[in-house]
Amino acid sequence: AALPEGHSALAEQAGAAFVESIDAF
């Protein structure tokens, strides 16, 4: 899901890691 305007690279990396965990589930 898109992060709000002004998103940070750190939050994008964390979001990608979260998505990987959800996919694994």
PDB file of all heavy atoms in Angstrom:
ATOM      1  N   ALA A   1       0.862  -1.175   0.000  1.00  0.00           N
ATOM      2  CA  ALA A   1       0.000   0.000   0.000  1.00  0.00           C
ATOM      3  C   ALA A   1       0.898   1.224   0.000  1.00  0.00           C
ATOM      4  O   ALA A   1       1.981   1.219   0.588  1.00  0.00           O
ATOM      5  CB  ALA A   1      -0.889  -0.007   1.236  1.00  0.00           C
ATOM      6  N   ALA A   2       0.461   2.242  -0.669  1.00  0.00           N
ATOM      7  CA  ALA A   2       1.271   3.456  -0.761  1.00  0.00           C
ATOM      8  C   ALA A   2       1.335   4.146   0.591  1.00  0.00           C
ATOM      9  O   ALA A   2       0.350   4.203   1.322  1.00  0.00           O
ATOM     10  CB  ALA A   2       0.664   4.389  -1.791  1.00  0.00           C
ATOM     11  N   LEU A   3       2.515   4.648   0.893  1.00  0.00           N
ATOM     12  CA  LEU A   3       2.689   5.428   2.109  1.00  0.00           C
ATOM     13  C   LEU A   3       2.210   6.850   1.845  1.00  0.00           C
ATOM     14  O   LEU A   3       2.158   7.293   0.699  1.00  0.00           O
ATOM     15  CB  LEU A   3       4.161   5.450   2.523  1.00  0.00           C
ATOM     16  CG  LEU A   3       4.727   4.124   3.012  1.00  0.00           C
ATOM     17  CD1 LEU A   3       6.228   4.237   3.217  1.00  0.00           C
ATOM     18  CD2 LEU A   3       4.061   3.681   4.292  1.00  0.00           C
ATOM     19  N   PRO A   4       1.870   7.588   2.899  1.00  0.00           N
ATOM     20  CA  PRO A   4       1.433   8.960   2.704  1.00  0.00           C
ATOM     21  C   PRO A   4       2.523   9.812   2.050  1.00  0.00           C
ATOM     22  O   PRO A   4       3.691   9.428   2.026  1.00  0.00           O
ATOM     23  CB  PRO A   4       1.156   9.460   4.124  1.00  0.00           C
ATOM     24  CG  PRO A   4       1.120   8.268   4.986  1.00  0.00           C
ATOM     25  CD  PRO A   4       1.874   7.186   4.285  1.00  0.00           C
ATOM     26  N   GLU A   5       2.133  10.962   1.546  1.00  0.00           N
ATOM     27  CA  GLU A   5       3.065  11.898   0.917  1.00  0.00           C
ATOM     28  C   GLU A   5       4.245  12.163   1.840  1.00  0.00           C
ATOM     29  O   GLU A   5       4.092  12.273   3.050  1.00  0.00           O
ATOM     30  CB  GLU A   5       2.338  13.218   0.608  1.00  0.00           C
ATOM     31  CG  GLU A   5       3.101  14.156  -0.277  1.00  0.00           C
ATOM     32  CD  GLU A   5       3.334  13.594  -1.671  1.00  0.00           C
ATOM     33  OE1 GLU A   5       2.460  12.875  -2.178  1.00  0.00           O
ATOM     34  OE2 GLU A   5       4.392  13.864  -2.236  1.00  0.00           O
ATOM     35  N   GLY A   6       5.431  12.277   1.283  1.00  0.00           N
ATOM     36  CA  GLY A   6       6.626  12.549   2.081  1.00  0.00           C
ATOM     37  C   GLY A   6       7.213  11.308   2.716  1.00  0.00           C
ATOM     38  O   GLY A   6       7.906  11.386   3.709  1.00  0.00           O
ATOM     39  N   HIS A   7       6.924  10.134   2.151  1.00  0.00           N
ATOM     40  CA  HIS A   7       7.413   8.888   2.730  1.00  0.00           C
ATOM     41  C   HIS A   7       8.939   8.842   2.728  1.00  0.00           C
ATOM     42  O   HIS A   7       9.592   9.487   1.937  1.00  0.00           O
ATOM     43  CB  HIS A   7       6.827   7.687   1.990  1.00  0.00           C
ATOM     44  CG  HIS A   7       7.235   7.609   0.558  1.00  0.00           C
ATOM     45  ND1 HIS A   7       6.612   8.342  -0.416  1.00  0.00           N
ATOM     46  CD2 HIS A   7       8.210   6.910  -0.051  1.00  0.00           C
ATOM     47  CE1 HIS A   7       7.183   8.081  -1.570  1.00  0.00           C
ATOM     48  NE2 HIS A   7       8.152   7.218  -1.380  1.00  0.00           N
ATOM     49  N   SER A   8       9.460   8.066   3.623  1.00  0.00           N
ATOM     50  CA  SER A   8      10.908   7.942   3.742  1.00  0.00           C
ATOM     51  C   SER A   8      11.371   6.602   3.184  1.00  0.00           C
ATOM     52  O   SER A   8      10.610   5.635   3.121  1.00  0.00           O
ATOM     53  CB  SER A   8      11.327   8.050   5.213  1.00  0.00           C
ATOM     54  OG  SER A   8      10.907   6.909   5.930  1.00  0.00           O
ATOM     55  N   ALA A   9      12.629   6.562   2.781  1.00  0.00           N
ATOM     56  CA  ALA A   9      13.213   5.316   2.274  1.00  0.00           C
ATOM     57  C   ALA A   9      13.196   4.252   3.366  1.00  0.00           C
ATOM     58  O   ALA A   9      12.973   3.070   3.086  1.00  0.00           O
ATOM     59  CB  ALA A   9      14.635   5.566   1.780  1.00  0.00           C
ATOM     60  N   LEU A  10      13.406   4.652   4.599  1.00  0.00           N
ATOM     61  CA  LEU A  10      13.406   3.721   5.732  1.00  0.00           C
ATOM     62  C   LEU A  10      12.038   3.049   5.880  1.00  0.00           C
ATOM     63  O   LEU A  10      11.951   1.830   6.023  1.00  0.00           O
ATOM     64  CB  LEU A  10      13.773   4.464   7.021  1.00  0.00           C
ATOM     65  CG  LEU A  10      13.921   3.603   8.260  1.00  0.00           C
ATOM     66  CD1 LEU A  10      15.222   2.807   8.174  1.00  0.00           C
ATOM     67  CD2 LEU A  10      13.904   4.462   9.495  1.00  0.00           C
ATOM     68  N   ALA A  11      10.985   3.847   5.805  1.00  0.00           N
ATOM     69  CA  ALA A  11       9.639   3.285   5.927  1.00  0.00           C
ATOM     70  C   ALA A  11       9.326   2.380   4.743  1.00  0.00           C
ATOM     71  O   ALA A  11       8.655   1.357   4.901  1.00  0.00           O
ATOM     72  CB  ALA A  11       8.609   4.410   6.039  1.00  0.00           C
ATOM     73  N   GLU A  12       9.813   2.732   3.565  1.00  0.00           N
ATOM     74  CA  GLU A  12       9.607   1.871   2.392  1.00  0.00           C
ATOM     75  C   GLU A  12      10.305   0.526   2.570  1.00  0.00           C
ATOM     76  O   GLU A  12       9.754  -0.519   2.239  1.00  0.00           O
ATOM     77  CB  GLU A  12      10.127   2.551   1.130  1.00  0.00           C
ATOM     78  CG  GLU A  12       9.184   3.575   0.565  1.00  0.00           C
ATOM     79  CD  GLU A  12       9.656   4.112  -0.772  1.00  0.00           C
ATOM     80  OE1 GLU A  12      10.621   3.577  -1.363  1.00  0.00           O
ATOM     81  OE2 GLU A  12       9.050   5.079  -1.229  1.00  0.00           O
ATOM     82  N   GLN A  13      11.525   0.546   3.095  1.00  0.00           N
ATOM     83  CA  GLN A  13      12.254  -0.701   3.328  1.00  0.00           C
ATOM     84  C   GLN A  13      11.527  -1.554   4.358  1.00  0.00           C
ATOM     85  O   GLN A  13      11.401  -2.769   4.188  1.00  0.00           O
ATOM     86  CB  GLN A  13      13.678  -0.407   3.804  1.00  0.00           C
ATOM     87  CG  GLN A  13      14.563   0.194   2.747  1.00  0.00           C
ATOM     88  CD  GLN A  13      15.895   0.647   3.328  1.00  0.00           C
ATOM     89  OE1 GLN A  13      16.076   0.752   4.542  1.00  0.00           O
ATOM     90  NE2 GLN A  13      16.847   0.925   2.451  1.00  0.00           N
ATOM     91  N   ALA A  14      11.071  -0.927   5.420  1.00  0.00           N
ATOM     92  CA  ALA A  14      10.340  -1.664   6.455  1.00  0.00           C
ATOM     93  C   ALA A  14       9.058  -2.238   5.862  1.00  0.00           C
ATOM     94  O   ALA A  14       8.727  -3.405   6.098  1.00  0.00           O
ATOM     95  CB  ALA A  14      10.024  -0.750   7.637  1.00  0.00           C
ATOM     96  N   GLY A  15       8.344  -1.426   5.085  1.00  0.00           N
ATOM     97  CA  GLY A  15       7.108  -1.898   4.459  1.00  0.00           C
ATOM     98  C   GLY A  15       7.346  -3.101   3.567  1.00  0.00           C
ATOM     99  O   GLY A  15       6.558  -4.041   3.559  1.00  0.00           O
ATOM    100  N   ALA A  16       8.452  -3.084   2.826  1.00  0.00           N
ATOM    101  CA  ALA A  16       8.790  -4.220   1.964  1.00  0.00           C
ATOM    102  C   ALA A  16       9.057  -5.471   2.801  1.00  0.00           C
ATOM    103  O   ALA A  16       8.639  -6.577   2.439  1.00  0.00           O
ATOM    104  CB  ALA A  16       9.990  -3.884   1.092  1.00  0.00           C
ATOM    105  N   ALA A  17       9.731  -5.301   3.928  1.00  0.00           N
ATOM    106  CA  ALA A  17       9.989  -6.440   4.814  1.00  0.00           C
ATOM    107  C   ALA A  17       8.680  -6.964   5.409  1.00  0.00           C
ATOM    108  O   ALA A  17       8.494  -8.183   5.543  1.00  0.00           O
ATOM    109  CB  ALA A  17      10.959  -6.033   5.924  1.00  0.00           C
ATOM    110  N   PHE A  18       7.772  -6.053   5.742  1.00  0.00           N
ATOM    111  CA  PHE A  18       6.471  -6.473   6.274  1.00  0.00           C
ATOM    112  C   PHE A  18       5.709  -7.284   5.233  1.00  0.00           C
ATOM    113  O   PHE A  18       5.110  -8.314   5.544  1.00  0.00           O
ATOM    114  CB  PHE A  18       5.622  -5.256   6.675  1.00  0.00           C
ATOM    115  CG  PHE A  18       6.203  -4.390   7.759  1.00  0.00           C
ATOM    116  CD1 PHE A  18       5.818  -3.072   7.874  1.00  0.00           C
ATOM    117  CD2 PHE A  18       7.134  -4.882   8.665  1.00  0.00           C
ATOM    118  CE1 PHE A  18       6.320  -2.253   8.866  1.00  0.00           C
ATOM    119  CE2 PHE A  18       7.659  -4.074   9.665  1.00  0.00           C
ATOM    120  CZ  PHE A  18       7.250  -2.756   9.768  1.00  0.00           C
ATOM    121  N   VAL A  19       5.730  -6.825   3.991  1.00  0.00           N
ATOM    122  CA  VAL A  19       5.022  -7.514   2.904  1.00  0.00           C
ATOM    123  C   VAL A  19       5.591  -8.917   2.703  1.00  0.00           C
ATOM    124  O   VAL A  19       4.845  -9.876   2.507  1.00  0.00           O
ATOM    125  CB  VAL A  19       5.065  -6.687   1.602  1.00  0.00           C
ATOM    126  CG1 VAL A  19       4.610  -7.508   0.405  1.00  0.00           C
ATOM    127  CG2 VAL A  19       4.200  -5.446   1.738  1.00  0.00           C
ATOM    128  N   GLU A  20       6.903  -9.048   2.782  1.00  0.00           N
ATOM    129  CA  GLU A  20       7.518 -10.372   2.652  1.00  0.00           C
ATOM    130  C   GLU A  20       7.023 -11.309   3.743  1.00  0.00           C
ATOM    131  O   GLU A  20       6.753 -12.491   3.493  1.00  0.00           O
ATOM    132  CB  GLU A  20       9.039 -10.261   2.711  1.00  0.00           C
ATOM    133  CG  GLU A  20       9.663  -9.699   1.455  1.00  0.00           C
ATOM    134  CD  GLU A  20      11.177  -9.601   1.556  1.00  0.00           C
ATOM    135  OE1 GLU A  20      11.782 -10.360   2.339  1.00  0.00           O
ATOM    136  OE2 GLU A  20      11.748  -8.761   0.849  1.00  0.00           O
ATOM    137  N   SER A  21       6.888 -10.792   4.956  1.00  0.00           N
ATOM    138  CA  SER A  21       6.414 -11.613   6.063  1.00  0.00           C
ATOM    139  C   SER A  21       4.949 -12.013   5.866  1.00  0.00           C
ATOM    140  O   SER A  21       4.571 -13.159   6.115  1.00  0.00           O
ATOM    141  CB  SER A  21       6.583 -10.855   7.384  1.00  0.00           C
ATOM    142  OG  SER A  21       6.274 -11.696   8.464  1.00  0.00           O
ATOM    143  N   ILE A  22       4.137 -11.082   5.376  1.00  0.00           N
ATOM    144  CA  ILE A  22       2.734 -11.388   5.111  1.00  0.00           C
ATOM    145  C   ILE A  22       2.621 -12.423   3.999  1.00  0.00           C
ATOM    146  O   ILE A  22       1.829 -13.370   4.091  1.00  0.00           O
ATOM    147  CB  ILE A  22       1.957 -10.101   4.760  1.00  0.00           C
ATOM    148  CG1 ILE A  22       1.901  -9.172   5.980  1.00  0.00           C
ATOM    149  CG2 ILE A  22       0.552 -10.426   4.266  1.00  0.00           C
ATOM    150  CD1 ILE A  22       1.420  -7.765   5.663  1.00  0.00           C
ATOM    151  N   ASP A  23       3.418 -12.279   2.959  1.00  0.00           N
ATOM    152  CA  ASP A  23       3.421 -13.260   1.875  1.00  0.00           C
ATOM    153  C   ASP A  23       3.824 -14.642   2.381  1.00  0.00           C
ATOM    154  O   ASP A  23       3.229 -15.657   1.986  1.00  0.00           O
ATOM    155  CB  ASP A  23       4.363 -12.835   0.749  1.00  0.00           C
ATOM    156  CG  ASP A  23       3.798 -11.710  -0.101  1.00  0.00           C
ATOM    157  OD1 ASP A  23       2.586 -11.446  -0.035  1.00  0.00           O
ATOM    158  OD2 ASP A  23       4.588 -11.092  -0.840  1.00  0.00           O
ATOM    159  N   ALA A  24       4.828 -14.688   3.243  1.00  0.00           N
ATOM    160  CA  ALA A  24       5.271 -15.969   3.805  1.00  0.00           C
ATOM    161  C   ALA A  24       4.149 -16.607   4.623  1.00  0.00           C
ATOM    162  O   ALA A  24       3.946 -17.829   4.565  1.00  0.00           O
ATOM    163  CB  ALA A  24       6.517 -15.767   4.660  1.00  0.00           C
ATOM    164  N   PHE A  25       3.405 -15.787   5.364  1.00  0.00           N
ATOM    165  CA  PHE A  25       2.261 -16.307   6.107  1.00  0.00           C
ATOM    166  C   PHE A  25       1.241 -16.911   5.140  1.00  0.00           C
ATOM    167  O   PHE A  25       0.739 -18.017   5.360  1.00  0.00           O
ATOM    168  CB  PHE A  25       1.591 -15.215   6.942  1.00  0.00           C
ATOM    169  CG  PHE A  25       0.247 -15.626   7.476  1.00  0.00           C
ATOM    170  CD1 PHE A  25       0.155 -16.505   8.547  1.00  0.00           C
ATOM    171  CD2 PHE A  25      -0.921 -15.168   6.894  1.00  0.00           C
ATOM    172  CE1 PHE A  25      -1.088 -16.922   9.019  1.00  0.00           C
ATOM    173  CE2 PHE A  25      -2.158 -15.573   7.357  1.00  0.00           C
ATOM    174  CZ  PHE A  25      -2.245 -16.447   8.431  1.00  0.00           C
TER     175      PHE A  25
END
